[in-house]
C-alpha atoms as a PDB file:
ATOM      1  CA  MET A   1       7.355  10.849   4.057  1.00  0.00           C
ATOM      2  CA  SER A   2       9.635   8.936   1.355  1.00  0.00           C
ATOM      3  CA  GLY A   3      10.079   7.939  -2.213  1.00  0.00           C
ATOM      4  CA  VAL A   4      10.534   4.241  -3.192  1.00  0.00           C
ATOM      5  CA  PRO A   5      13.407   4.545  -6.146  1.00  0.00           C
ATOM      6  CA  SER A   6      11.551   5.017  -9.427  1.00  0.00           C
ATOM      7  CA  LYS A   7      11.663   1.422 -12.057  1.00  0.00           C
ATOM      8  CA  MET A   8      10.599  -0.804  -9.310  1.00  0.00           C
ATOM      9  CA  LYS A   9       6.945  -2.288 -10.558  1.00  0.00           C
ATOM     10  CA  HIS A  10       4.189  -1.966  -7.875  1.00  0.00           C
ATOM     11  CA  ILE A  11       1.588  -3.402  -7.335  1.00  0.00           C
ATOM     12  CA  ILE A  12      -1.679  -0.911  -5.514  1.00  0.00           C
ATOM     13  CA  HIS A  13      -4.303  -3.110  -4.160  1.00  0.00           C
ATOM     14  CA  VAL A  14      -7.225  -2.557  -1.649  1.00  0.00           C
ATOM     15  CA  HIS A  15      -8.254  -5.101   0.971  1.00  0.00           C
ATOM     16  CA  GLN A  16     -11.342  -5.441   1.843  1.00  0.00           C
ATOM     17  CA  GLN A  17     -11.312  -7.314   4.969  1.00  0.00           C
ATOM     18  CA  LYS A  18      -9.036  -4.872   6.513  1.00  0.00           C
ATOM     19  CA  VAL A  19     -11.523  -2.039   5.474  1.00  0.00           C
ATOM     20  CA  LYS A  20     -14.466  -3.698   6.964  1.00  0.00           C
ATOM     21  CA  LYS A  21     -12.059  -5.013   9.728  1.00  0.00           C
ATOM     22  CA  GLY A  22     -11.168  -1.120  10.121  1.00  0.00           C
ATOM     23  CA  GLU A  23      -7.200  -1.485   9.431  1.00  0.00           C
ATOM     24  CA  PRO A  24      -4.856  -0.242   6.925  1.00  0.00           C
ATOM     25  CA  ALA A  25      -6.062  -1.437   3.234  1.00  0.00           C
ATOM     26  CA  ILE A  26      -3.892   0.131   0.833  1.00  0.00           C
ATOM     27  CA  ILE A  27      -1.154  -2.680  -0.471  1.00  0.00           C
ATOM     28  CA  ASP A  28       1.730  -1.924  -1.833  1.00  0.00           C
ATOM     29  CA  ARG A  29       3.401  -4.759  -3.061  1.00  0.00           C
ATOM     30  CA  THR A  30       6.475  -4.916  -4.993  1.00  0.00           C
ATOM     31  CA  TYR A  31       9.397  -7.935  -5.497  1.00  0.00           C
ATOM     32  CA  LYS A  32      10.882  -6.950  -1.819  1.00  0.00           C
ATOM     33  CA  GLY A  33       7.141  -7.438  -0.514  1.00  0.00           C
ATOM     34  CA  SER A  34       4.428  -6.376   1.054  1.00  0.00           C
ATOM     35  CA  THR A  35       3.399  -2.617   2.941  1.00  0.00           C
ATOM     36  CA  HIS A  36       0.149  -1.781   4.614  1.00  0.00           C
ATOM     37  CA  LEU A  37      -0.386   2.013   4.560  1.00  0.00           C
ATOM     38  CA  THR A  38      -3.516   3.750   5.160  1.00  0.00           C
ATOM     39  CA  ARG A  39      -2.323   6.635   2.249  1.00  0.00           C
ATOM     40  CA  ILE A  40      -0.130   6.571  -0.594  1.00  0.00           C
ATOM     41  CA  LYS A  41       1.115   8.971  -3.421  1.00  0.00           C
ATOM     42  CA  ILE A  42       2.297   7.720  -7.229  1.00  0.00           C
ATOM     43  CA  ASP A  43       4.310  10.433  -8.509  1.00  0.00           C
ATOM     44  CA  GLY A  44       4.324   9.441 -11.851  1.00  0.00           C
ATOM     45  CA  PRO A  45       2.365   7.328 -14.604  1.00  0.00           C
ATOM     46  CA  CYS A  46       0.365   4.211 -13.669  1.00  0.00           C
ATOM     47  CA  GLU A  47      -2.375   2.026 -14.949  1.00  0.00           C
ATOM     48  CA  ILE A  48      -5.744   0.381 -13.595  1.00  0.00           C
ATOM     49  CA  ILE A  49      -6.733  -2.911 -13.851  1.00  0.00           C
ATOM     50  CA  HIS A  50      -9.522  -5.119 -14.047  1.00  0.00           C
ATOM     51  CA  SER A  51      -9.098  -8.418 -14.824  1.00  0.00           C
ATOM     52  CA  GLN A  52     -11.814 -11.416 -14.818  1.00  0.00           C
ATOM     53  CA  THR A  53      -9.263 -13.616 -13.371  1.00  0.00           C
ATOM     54  CA  PRO A  54      -7.908 -12.608 -10.088  1.00  0.00           C
ATOM     55  CA  ASP A  55      -4.290 -11.712  -9.555  1.00  0.00           C
ATOM     56  CA  HIS A  56      -2.525 -13.958  -6.971  1.00  0.00           C
ATOM     57  CA  CYS A  57      -3.937 -12.654  -4.215  1.00  0.00           C
ATOM     58  CA  GLY A  58      -7.225 -12.559  -4.840  1.00  0.00           C
ATOM     59  CA  ALA A  59      -7.298  -8.829  -6.200  1.00  0.00           C
ATOM     60  CA  ARG A  60      -9.584  -7.674  -9.360  1.00  0.00           C
ATOM     61  CA  VAL A  61      -8.537  -4.181  -9.876  1.00  0.00           C
ATOM     62  CA  TRP A  62      -5.276  -3.092  -9.181  1.00  0.00           C
ATOM     63  CA  ILE A  63      -2.874   0.000  -9.902  1.00  0.00           C
ATOM     64  CA  GLU A  64       0.179  -1.239 -11.726  1.00  0.00           C
ATOM     65  CA  THR A  65       3.484   1.661 -12.082  1.00  0.00           C
ATOM     66  CA  GLN A  66       7.055   1.241 -12.452  1.00  0.00           C
ATOM     67  CA  GLY A  67       7.056   5.409 -11.072  1.00  0.00           C
ATOM     68  CA  PRO A  68       7.856   6.491  -7.327  1.00  0.00           C
ATOM     69  CA  VAL A  69       5.522   5.713  -4.873  1.00  0.00           C
ATOM     70  CA  THR A  70       5.432   8.186  -2.027  1.00  0.00           C
ATOM     71  CA  HIS A  71       4.326   5.473   1.726  1.00  0.00           C
ATOM     72  CA  VAL A  72       2.171   8.832   3.069  1.00  0.00           C
ATOM     73  CA  ALA A  73       2.505   8.556   7.280  1.00  0.00           C
ATOM     74  CA  SER A  74      -0.523   6.598   8.479  1.00  0.00           C
ATOM     75  CA  ASP A  75      -3.237   8.202  10.357  1.00  0.00           C
ATOM     76  CA  TRP A  76      -3.001   5.488  13.194  1.00  0.00           C
ATOM     77  CA  GLY A  77       0.573   6.363  14.416  1.00  0.00           C
ATOM     78  CA  MET A  78       2.116   3.096  14.315  1.00  0.00           C
ATOM     79  CA  THR A  79       6.189   3.028  12.694  1.00  0.00           C
ATOM     80  CA  GLU A  80       7.635   0.587  10.452  1.00  0.00           C
ATOM     81  CA  THR A  81      11.360   1.370   8.961  1.00  0.00           C
ATOM     82  CA  ILE A  82      11.955   0.943   5.500  1.00  0.00           C
ATOM     83  CA  GLY A  83      15.718   1.021   4.077  1.00  0.00           C
ATOM     84  CA  GLY A  84      16.219   3.171   6.690  1.00  0.00           C
ATOM     85  CA  VAL A  85      13.952   6.060   6.999  1.00  0.00           C
ATOM     86  CA  VAL A  86      10.907   6.007   9.552  1.00  0.00           C
ATOM     87  CA  GLU A  87       7.508   5.468   7.726  1.00  0.00           C
ATOM     88  CA  ARG A  88       4.100   5.030   9.341  1.00  0.00           C
ATOM     89  CA  ALA A  89       2.782   1.795   8.599  1.00  0.00           C
ATOM     90  CA  TYR A  90       0.094  -0.695   9.821  1.00  0.00           C
ATOM     91  CA  THR A  91       2.507  -3.400  12.329  1.00  0.00           C
ATOM     92  CA  GLY A  92      -0.330  -5.017  14.721  1.00  0.00           C
ATOM     93  CA  ASP A  93      -4.135  -4.774  16.249  1.00  0.00           C
ATOM     94  CA  LEU A  94      -5.125  -1.846  15.521  1.00  0.00           C
ATOM     95  CA  LYS A  95      -8.636  -0.195  15.432  1.00  0.00           C
ATOM     96  CA  SER A  96      -9.970   2.566  13.152  1.00  0.00           C
ATOM     97  CA  PRO A  97      -9.749   6.116  13.822  1.00  0.00           C
ATOM     98  CA  ASP A  98     -13.806   5.726  14.422  1.00  0.00           C
ATOM     99  CA  SER A  99     -14.125   3.329  16.807  1.00  0.00           C
END
């Protein structure tokens, strides 16, 4: 696990089509890009937003925080390096662990 520095705005949402396909569907989006994960931990205050106007990615419900967000190792075992630390995140064509 590694924490992403605080004071960076994170927008976290669930990609419904990825859920249906059995792929990692939690998306942590910052100005640096997006990461697809199976588990995260928000270490600080956050706000859950439900908007009638979708976000630019189409989400109508999302979490916003400027607190530290920890990307917890994915149960599906693909690795990705972020900031010199090996993280576990979706990077390819995976099947659900139940399949």
